[in-house]
Amino acid sequence: MTADFETQLRAVSLRVTRPRLAVLAALRDHPHVDTETVIALVRADQPTVSHQAVYDVLRALTDAGLVRRIQPAGATARYESRVGDNHHHVVCRSCGTIADVDCVVGDAPCLTASDDHGFTVDEAEVVYWGTCPDCATDRTSQ
């Protein structure tokens, strides 16, 4: 899988570095995590990587389109490596768990604005809010 990450980095003209590879691996294995979690995951493999290095890598990967930054209302920013398919998210109001929801139509953007005001729309963002199964079970068992 490292070869795939190396190819992705080179395709967007980014140097292949151990921190970049570690961040991509962390996001592949743990989607929708915040920066502090990414730092902990990267440091589990590379203890000497600084906070600033991870912040810089996340910014570079996001700017290059290899990583997506999402920030549901009232939540800290989260990152994921699933990009380019215009999917959406469902967020638990109780615990903050986030899961992917495929586009309701399948074309990007999957929603057409009733009035785009002259904009060229290339993405539609939808966030579904609710209660995850674990929190719902906890509520009914109390």
N, C-alpha and C. Protein backbone atom coordinates (compact mmCIF):
# COMPACT_ATOMS: atom_id res chain seq x y z
N MET A 1 0.82 -1.20 0.00
CA MET A 1 0.00 0.00 0.00
C MET A 1 0.86 1.26 0.00
N THR A 2 2.05 1.16 0.55
CA THR A 2 2.94 2.32 0.55
C THR A 2 3.23 2.79 -0.87
N ALA A 3 3.36 1.84 -1.80
CA ALA A 3 3.61 2.20 -3.20
C ALA A 3 2.46 3.04 -3.75
N ASP A 4 1.22 2.71 -3.36
CA ASP A 4 0.07 3.50 -3.80
C ASP A 4 0.16 4.93 -3.26
N PHE A 5 0.54 5.06 -2.00
CA PHE A 5 0.68 6.40 -1.41
C PHE A 5 1.78 7.17 -2.12
N GLU A 6 2.88 6.51 -2.41
CA GLU A 6 3.98 7.17 -3.09
C GLU A 6 3.53 7.66 -4.46
N THR A 7 2.78 6.84 -5.16
CA THR A 7 2.25 7.22 -6.48
C THR A 7 1.32 8.42 -6.36
N GLN A 8 0.45 8.41 -5.35
CA GLN A 8 -0.47 9.53 -5.13
C GLN A 8 0.28 10.81 -4.86
N LEU A 9 1.29 10.75 -4.02
CA LEU A 9 2.07 11.95 -3.70
C LEU A 9 2.80 12.49 -4.92
N ARG A 10 3.41 11.61 -5.67
CA ARG A 10 4.13 12.04 -6.87
C ARG A 10 3.18 12.62 -7.92
N ALA A 11 1.98 12.06 -8.01
CA ALA A 11 0.99 12.54 -9.00
C ALA A 11 0.59 13.99 -8.76
N VAL A 12 0.69 14.44 -7.51
CA VAL A 12 0.34 15.84 -7.20
C VAL A 12 1.59 16.67 -6.90
N SER A 13 2.72 16.16 -7.33
CA SER A 13 4.02 16.86 -7.21
C SER A 13 4.43 17.12 -5.77
N LEU A 14 4.11 16.19 -4.87
CA LEU A 14 4.59 16.28 -3.49
C LEU A 14 5.69 15.26 -3.29
N ARG A 15 6.71 15.66 -2.53
CA ARG A 15 7.79 14.73 -2.21
C ARG A 15 7.25 13.60 -1.33
N VAL A 16 7.82 12.44 -1.51
CA VAL A 16 7.46 11.30 -0.67
C VAL A 16 8.31 11.39 0.59
N THR A 17 7.62 11.57 1.73
CA THR A 17 8.32 11.63 3.02
C THR A 17 7.65 10.66 3.98
N ARG A 18 8.38 10.26 4.97
CA ARG A 18 7.81 9.33 5.97
C ARG A 18 6.59 9.93 6.69
N PRO A 19 6.63 11.20 7.10
CA PRO A 19 5.43 11.76 7.74
C PRO A 19 4.22 11.77 6.81
N ARG A 20 4.41 12.09 5.54
CA ARG A 20 3.28 12.09 4.60
C ARG A 20 2.72 10.68 4.44
N LEU A 21 3.60 9.70 4.31
CA LEU A 21 3.15 8.32 4.19
C LEU A 21 2.41 7.87 5.45
N ALA A 22 2.93 8.27 6.61
CA ALA A 22 2.31 7.89 7.88
C ALA A 22 0.93 8.52 8.05
N VAL A 23 0.78 9.78 7.65
CA VAL A 23 -0.52 10.45 7.75
C VAL A 23 -1.52 9.79 6.81
N LEU A 24 -1.11 9.51 5.58
CA LEU A 24 -2.02 8.85 4.64
C LEU A 24 -2.45 7.48 5.16
N ALA A 25 -1.52 6.73 5.73
CA ALA A 25 -1.86 5.42 6.29
C ALA A 25 -2.82 5.55 7.47
N ALA A 26 -2.57 6.53 8.34
CA ALA A 26 -3.44 6.74 9.49
C ALA A 26 -4.86 7.07 9.05
N LEU A 27 -4.99 7.92 8.04
CA LEU A 27 -6.33 8.31 7.57
C LEU A 27 -7.01 7.19 6.81
N ARG A 28 -6.24 6.37 6.12
CA ARG A 28 -6.83 5.20 5.46
C ARG A 28 -7.44 4.25 6.50
N ASP A 29 -6.72 4.04 7.60
CA ASP A 29 -7.15 3.08 8.62
C ASP A 29 -8.12 3.67 9.64
N HIS A 30 -8.15 5.00 9.75
CA HIS A 30 -8.98 5.67 10.76
C HIS A 30 -9.62 6.92 10.16
N PRO A 31 -10.64 6.76 9.33
CA PRO A 31 -11.27 7.95 8.72
C PRO A 31 -12.01 8.79 9.76
N HIS A 32 -12.13 10.06 9.47
CA HIS A 32 -12.90 11.02 10.27
C HIS A 32 -12.27 11.29 11.63
N VAL A 33 -10.94 11.33 11.68
CA VAL A 33 -10.27 11.63 12.95
C VAL A 33 -9.79 13.07 12.98
N ASP A 34 -9.66 13.58 14.20
CA ASP A 34 -9.18 14.96 14.37
C ASP A 34 -7.65 14.99 14.34
N THR A 35 -7.11 16.19 14.36
CA THR A 35 -5.67 16.36 14.25
C THR A 35 -4.91 15.67 15.37
N GLU A 36 -5.40 15.79 16.59
CA GLU A 36 -4.71 15.17 17.73
C GLU A 36 -4.64 13.66 17.58
N THR A 37 -5.69 13.07 17.05
CA THR A 37 -5.69 11.62 16.83
C THR A 37 -4.71 11.25 15.73
N VAL A 38 -4.66 12.05 14.68
CA VAL A 38 -3.69 11.81 13.60
C VAL A 38 -2.27 11.86 14.18
N ILE A 39 -2.01 12.86 15.00
CA ILE A 39 -0.68 12.99 15.61
C ILE A 39 -0.35 11.73 16.42
N ALA A 40 -1.28 11.27 17.24
CA ALA A 40 -1.04 10.07 18.06
C ALA A 40 -0.80 8.84 17.19
N LEU A 41 -1.58 8.69 16.13
CA LEU A 41 -1.41 7.54 15.24
C LEU A 41 -0.06 7.58 14.53
N VAL A 42 0.34 8.75 14.07
CA VAL A 42 1.62 8.89 13.38
C VAL A 42 2.77 8.63 14.35
N ARG A 43 2.65 9.17 15.56
CA ARG A 43 3.72 9.01 16.55
C ARG A 43 3.84 7.57 17.05
N ALA A 44 2.79 6.78 16.93
CA ALA A 44 2.89 5.37 17.30
C ALA A 44 3.91 4.66 16.41
N ASP A 45 4.03 5.13 15.18
CA ASP A 45 4.98 4.55 14.22
C ASP A 45 6.28 5.36 14.16
N GLN A 46 6.16 6.67 14.32
CA GLN A 46 7.31 7.57 14.19
C GLN A 46 7.31 8.55 15.36
N PRO A 47 7.84 8.14 16.50
CA PRO A 47 7.75 8.95 17.73
C PRO A 47 8.37 10.34 17.67
N THR A 48 9.27 10.59 16.73
CA THR A 48 9.95 11.87 16.70
C THR A 48 9.25 12.91 15.83
N VAL A 49 8.15 12.56 15.20
CA VAL A 49 7.44 13.51 14.34
C VAL A 49 6.78 14.58 15.21
N SER A 50 6.99 15.82 14.86
CA SER A 50 6.44 16.93 15.66
C SER A 50 4.97 17.20 15.33
N HIS A 51 4.32 17.88 16.26
CA HIS A 51 2.94 18.34 16.01
C HIS A 51 2.90 19.18 14.74
N GLN A 52 3.83 20.12 14.63
CA GLN A 52 3.83 21.03 13.49
C GLN A 52 4.01 20.28 12.17
N ALA A 53 4.82 19.24 12.18
CA ALA A 53 5.02 18.45 10.95
C ALA A 53 3.70 17.81 10.51
N VAL A 54 2.94 17.29 11.46
CA VAL A 54 1.66 16.67 11.11
C VAL A 54 0.68 17.73 10.62
N TYR A 55 0.63 18.88 11.28
CA TYR A 55 -0.23 19.97 10.80
C TYR A 55 0.15 20.37 9.38
N ASP A 56 1.46 20.49 9.12
CA ASP A 56 1.92 20.86 7.79
C ASP A 56 1.56 19.81 6.75
N VAL A 57 1.70 18.54 7.11
CA VAL A 57 1.36 17.45 6.19
C VAL A 57 -0.14 17.46 5.89
N LEU A 58 -0.95 17.61 6.92
CA LEU A 58 -2.40 17.65 6.70
C LEU A 58 -2.78 18.80 5.76
N ARG A 59 -2.17 19.95 5.96
CA ARG A 59 -2.46 21.11 5.10
C ARG A 59 -2.03 20.82 3.66
N ALA A 60 -0.83 20.28 3.49
CA ALA A 60 -0.33 19.99 2.15
C ALA A 60 -1.18 18.94 1.44
N LEU A 61 -1.55 17.90 2.16
CA LEU A 61 -2.37 16.84 1.56
C LEU A 61 -3.77 17.34 1.23
N THR A 62 -4.32 18.20 2.08
CA THR A 62 -5.63 18.78 1.82
C THR A 62 -5.56 19.70 0.60
N ASP A 63 -4.56 20.57 0.59
CA ASP A 63 -4.40 21.49 -0.55
C ASP A 63 -4.22 20.74 -1.86
N ALA A 64 -3.56 19.58 -1.81
CA ALA A 64 -3.29 18.79 -3.01
C ALA A 64 -4.48 17.92 -3.41
N GLY A 65 -5.50 17.86 -2.55
CA GLY A 65 -6.68 17.07 -2.86
C GLY A 65 -6.58 15.59 -2.52
N LEU A 66 -5.56 15.21 -1.75
CA LEU A 66 -5.41 13.81 -1.36
C LEU A 66 -6.16 13.50 -0.07
N VAL A 67 -6.48 14.55 0.67
CA VAL A 67 -7.18 14.43 1.95
C VAL A 67 -8.30 15.45 1.96
N ARG A 68 -9.38 15.10 2.60
CA ARG A 68 -10.52 16.00 2.73
C ARG A 68 -10.67 16.41 4.19
N ARG A 69 -10.83 17.69 4.42
CA ARG A 69 -11.07 18.23 5.75
C ARG A 69 -12.56 18.49 5.86
N ILE A 70 -13.17 17.94 6.89
CA ILE A 70 -14.59 18.18 7.13
C ILE A 70 -14.74 18.76 8.52
N GLN A 71 -15.74 19.61 8.70
CA GLN A 71 -15.96 20.19 10.01
C GLN A 71 -17.46 20.41 10.21
N PRO A 72 -18.15 19.36 10.67
CA PRO A 72 -19.57 19.53 10.96
C PRO A 72 -19.78 20.62 12.01
N ALA A 73 -20.90 21.30 11.94
CA ALA A 73 -21.19 22.41 12.86
C ALA A 73 -20.97 21.98 14.31
N GLY A 74 -20.21 22.79 15.03
CA GLY A 74 -19.97 22.55 16.44
C GLY A 74 -18.92 21.49 16.73
N ALA A 75 -18.28 20.95 15.72
CA ALA A 75 -17.28 19.90 15.91
C ALA A 75 -15.90 20.40 15.50
N THR A 76 -14.88 19.72 15.97
CA THR A 76 -13.53 20.04 15.52
C THR A 76 -13.33 19.49 14.12
N ALA A 77 -12.37 20.03 13.42
CA ALA A 77 -12.08 19.56 12.06
C ALA A 77 -11.65 18.10 12.10
N ARG A 78 -12.11 17.36 11.12
CA ARG A 78 -11.75 15.95 10.96
C ARG A 78 -11.18 15.77 9.57
N TYR A 79 -10.45 14.70 9.38
CA TYR A 79 -9.81 14.43 8.10
C TYR A 79 -10.13 13.02 7.64
N GLU A 80 -10.17 12.88 6.31
CA GLU A 80 -10.39 11.56 5.72
C GLU A 80 -9.65 11.50 4.39
N SER A 81 -9.32 10.28 3.98
CA SER A 81 -8.62 10.12 2.71
C SER A 81 -9.55 9.74 1.57
N ARG A 82 -10.82 9.60 1.85
CA ARG A 82 -11.79 9.32 0.78
C ARG A 82 -12.12 10.65 0.10
N VAL A 83 -11.63 10.82 -1.10
CA VAL A 83 -11.82 12.08 -1.83
C VAL A 83 -12.30 11.79 -3.25
N GLY A 84 -12.86 12.81 -3.87
CA GLY A 84 -13.18 12.74 -5.28
C GLY A 84 -14.49 12.08 -5.66
N ASP A 85 -15.26 11.65 -4.68
CA ASP A 85 -16.51 10.97 -5.02
C ASP A 85 -17.74 11.70 -4.51
N ASN A 86 -17.57 12.88 -3.94
CA ASN A 86 -18.68 13.73 -3.50
C ASN A 86 -19.63 13.01 -2.54
N HIS A 87 -19.06 12.22 -1.62
CA HIS A 87 -19.91 11.56 -0.63
C HIS A 87 -20.22 12.54 0.51
N HIS A 88 -21.13 12.14 1.36
CA HIS A 88 -21.59 12.98 2.46
C HIS A 88 -21.34 12.27 3.78
N HIS A 89 -21.85 12.83 4.87
CA HIS A 89 -21.60 12.27 6.20
C HIS A 89 -22.86 12.27 7.06
N VAL A 90 -22.90 11.31 7.97
CA VAL A 90 -23.92 11.28 9.00
C VAL A 90 -23.18 11.41 10.33
N VAL A 91 -23.68 12.29 11.21
CA VAL A 91 -23.00 12.62 12.46
C VAL A 91 -23.93 12.34 13.62
N CYS A 92 -23.42 11.65 14.64
CA CYS A 92 -24.21 11.39 15.85
C CYS A 92 -24.19 12.63 16.73
N ARG A 93 -25.37 13.08 17.11
CA ARG A 93 -25.49 14.26 17.98
C ARG A 93 -24.98 13.98 19.39
N SER A 94 -24.97 12.72 19.81
CA SER A 94 -24.55 12.39 21.17
C SER A 94 -23.04 12.22 21.31
N CYS A 95 -22.45 11.36 20.50
CA CYS A 95 -21.03 11.03 20.69
C CYS A 95 -20.12 11.62 19.62
N GLY A 96 -20.68 12.15 18.53
CA GLY A 96 -19.87 12.76 17.49
C GLY A 96 -19.34 11.80 16.44
N THR A 97 -19.70 10.52 16.53
CA THR A 97 -19.27 9.56 15.52
C THR A 97 -19.71 10.04 14.14
N ILE A 98 -18.82 9.86 13.15
CA ILE A 98 -19.11 10.26 11.78
C ILE A 98 -18.97 9.04 10.88
N ALA A 99 -19.91 8.88 9.96
CA ALA A 99 -19.85 7.80 8.99
C ALA A 99 -20.11 8.37 7.59
N ASP A 100 -19.60 7.69 6.59
CA ASP A 100 -19.80 8.12 5.21
C ASP A 100 -21.19 7.73 4.72
N VAL A 101 -21.75 8.59 3.87
CA VAL A 101 -23.02 8.33 3.19
C VAL A 101 -22.76 8.59 1.72
N ASP A 102 -22.98 7.59 0.89
CA ASP A 102 -22.76 7.79 -0.54
C ASP A 102 -23.73 8.82 -1.09
N CYS A 103 -23.33 9.45 -2.17
CA CYS A 103 -24.13 10.48 -2.81
C CYS A 103 -25.50 9.92 -3.19
N VAL A 104 -26.55 10.69 -2.95
CA VAL A 104 -27.90 10.21 -3.17
C VAL A 104 -28.23 9.99 -4.63
N VAL A 105 -27.52 10.63 -5.54
CA VAL A 105 -27.78 10.46 -6.96
C VAL A 105 -26.58 9.79 -7.64
N GLY A 106 -25.39 10.08 -7.19
CA GLY A 106 -24.22 9.46 -7.76
C GLY A 106 -23.40 10.33 -8.68
N ASP A 107 -23.90 11.47 -9.09
CA ASP A 107 -23.14 12.38 -9.93
C ASP A 107 -22.65 13.54 -9.08
N ALA A 108 -21.50 14.08 -9.42
CA ALA A 108 -20.98 15.23 -8.69
C ALA A 108 -21.37 16.50 -9.42
N PRO A 109 -21.96 17.49 -8.81
CA PRO A 109 -22.53 17.40 -7.46
C PRO A 109 -23.86 16.65 -7.49
N CYS A 110 -24.16 15.99 -6.40
CA CYS A 110 -25.35 15.16 -6.39
C CYS A 110 -26.61 15.95 -6.09
N LEU A 111 -26.47 17.20 -5.80
CA LEU A 111 -27.63 18.08 -5.61
C LEU A 111 -27.49 19.26 -6.56
N THR A 112 -28.56 19.63 -7.17
CA THR A 112 -28.53 20.77 -8.08
C THR A 112 -29.22 21.94 -7.40
N ALA A 113 -28.53 23.04 -7.30
CA ALA A 113 -29.08 24.23 -6.64
C ALA A 113 -30.25 24.77 -7.45
N SER A 114 -31.30 25.20 -6.74
CA SER A 114 -32.44 25.77 -7.44
C SER A 114 -32.07 27.08 -8.13
N ASP A 115 -31.10 27.80 -7.56
CA ASP A 115 -30.57 29.02 -8.17
C ASP A 115 -29.10 29.08 -7.81
N ASP A 116 -28.23 28.84 -8.78
CA ASP A 116 -26.79 28.82 -8.49
C ASP A 116 -26.16 30.20 -8.52
N HIS A 117 -26.96 31.25 -8.79
CA HIS A 117 -26.48 32.64 -8.78
C HIS A 117 -25.26 32.84 -9.67
N GLY A 118 -25.16 32.05 -10.73
CA GLY A 118 -24.06 32.18 -11.66
C GLY A 118 -22.81 31.41 -11.28
N PHE A 119 -22.81 30.74 -10.14
CA PHE A 119 -21.65 29.96 -9.71
C PHE A 119 -21.54 28.70 -10.57
N THR A 120 -20.33 28.24 -10.77
CA THR A 120 -20.10 26.92 -11.33
C THR A 120 -19.97 25.98 -10.14
N VAL A 121 -20.99 25.21 -9.85
CA VAL A 121 -21.03 24.35 -8.67
C VAL A 121 -20.29 23.05 -8.98
N ASP A 122 -19.30 22.71 -8.13
CA ASP A 122 -18.55 21.48 -8.34
C ASP A 122 -18.66 20.51 -7.16
N GLU A 123 -19.35 20.95 -6.10
CA GLU A 123 -19.50 20.08 -4.94
C GLU A 123 -20.73 20.50 -4.16
N ALA A 124 -21.42 19.52 -3.62
CA ALA A 124 -22.54 19.79 -2.72
C ALA A 124 -22.23 19.08 -1.41
N GLU A 125 -22.39 19.77 -0.30
CA GLU A 125 -22.09 19.16 0.99
C GLU A 125 -23.38 19.00 1.78
N VAL A 126 -23.61 17.77 2.19
CA VAL A 126 -24.79 17.45 2.99
C VAL A 126 -24.30 16.76 4.25
N VAL A 127 -24.82 17.18 5.38
CA VAL A 127 -24.51 16.50 6.64
C VAL A 127 -25.84 16.05 7.24
N TYR A 128 -25.94 14.76 7.44
CA TYR A 128 -27.11 14.19 8.10
C TYR A 128 -26.80 14.10 9.59
N TRP A 129 -27.72 14.52 10.42
CA TRP A 129 -27.53 14.49 11.87
C TRP A 129 -28.52 13.51 12.48
N GLY A 130 -28.10 12.81 13.50
CA GLY A 130 -28.99 11.86 14.17
C GLY A 130 -28.30 11.24 15.37
N THR A 131 -28.74 10.06 15.73
CA THR A 131 -28.18 9.32 16.86
C THR A 131 -27.69 7.98 16.35
N CYS A 132 -26.43 7.66 16.65
CA CYS A 132 -25.85 6.40 16.19
C CYS A 132 -26.47 5.23 16.94
N PRO A 133 -26.35 4.02 16.43
CA PRO A 133 -26.95 2.85 17.08
C PRO A 133 -26.48 2.64 18.52
N ASP A 134 -25.17 2.87 18.80
CA ASP A 134 -24.67 2.68 20.16
C ASP A 134 -25.33 3.65 21.14
N CYS A 135 -25.44 4.92 20.75
CA CYS A 135 -26.06 5.92 21.63
C CYS A 135 -27.56 5.66 21.77
N ALA A 136 -28.19 5.22 20.71
CA ALA A 136 -29.62 4.91 20.78
C ALA A 136 -29.86 3.75 21.74
N THR A 137 -28.99 2.74 21.70
CA THR A 137 -29.10 1.59 22.62
C THR A 137 -28.88 2.05 24.05
N ASP A 138 -27.89 2.91 24.27
CA ASP A 138 -27.62 3.43 25.61
C ASP A 138 -28.84 4.18 26.17
N ARG A 139 -29.53 4.94 25.33
CA ARG A 139 -30.69 5.71 25.77
C ARG A 139 -31.85 4.79 26.15
N THR A 140 -32.05 3.72 25.40
CA THR A 140 -33.18 2.83 25.68
C THR A 140 -32.91 1.92 26.86
N SER A 141 -31.62 1.72 27.19
CA SER A 141 -31.30 0.83 28.30
C SER A 141 -31.23 1.57 29.64
N GLN A 142 -31.39 2.88 29.60
CA GLN A 142 -31.31 3.66 30.87
C GLN A 142 -32.64 3.72 31.56
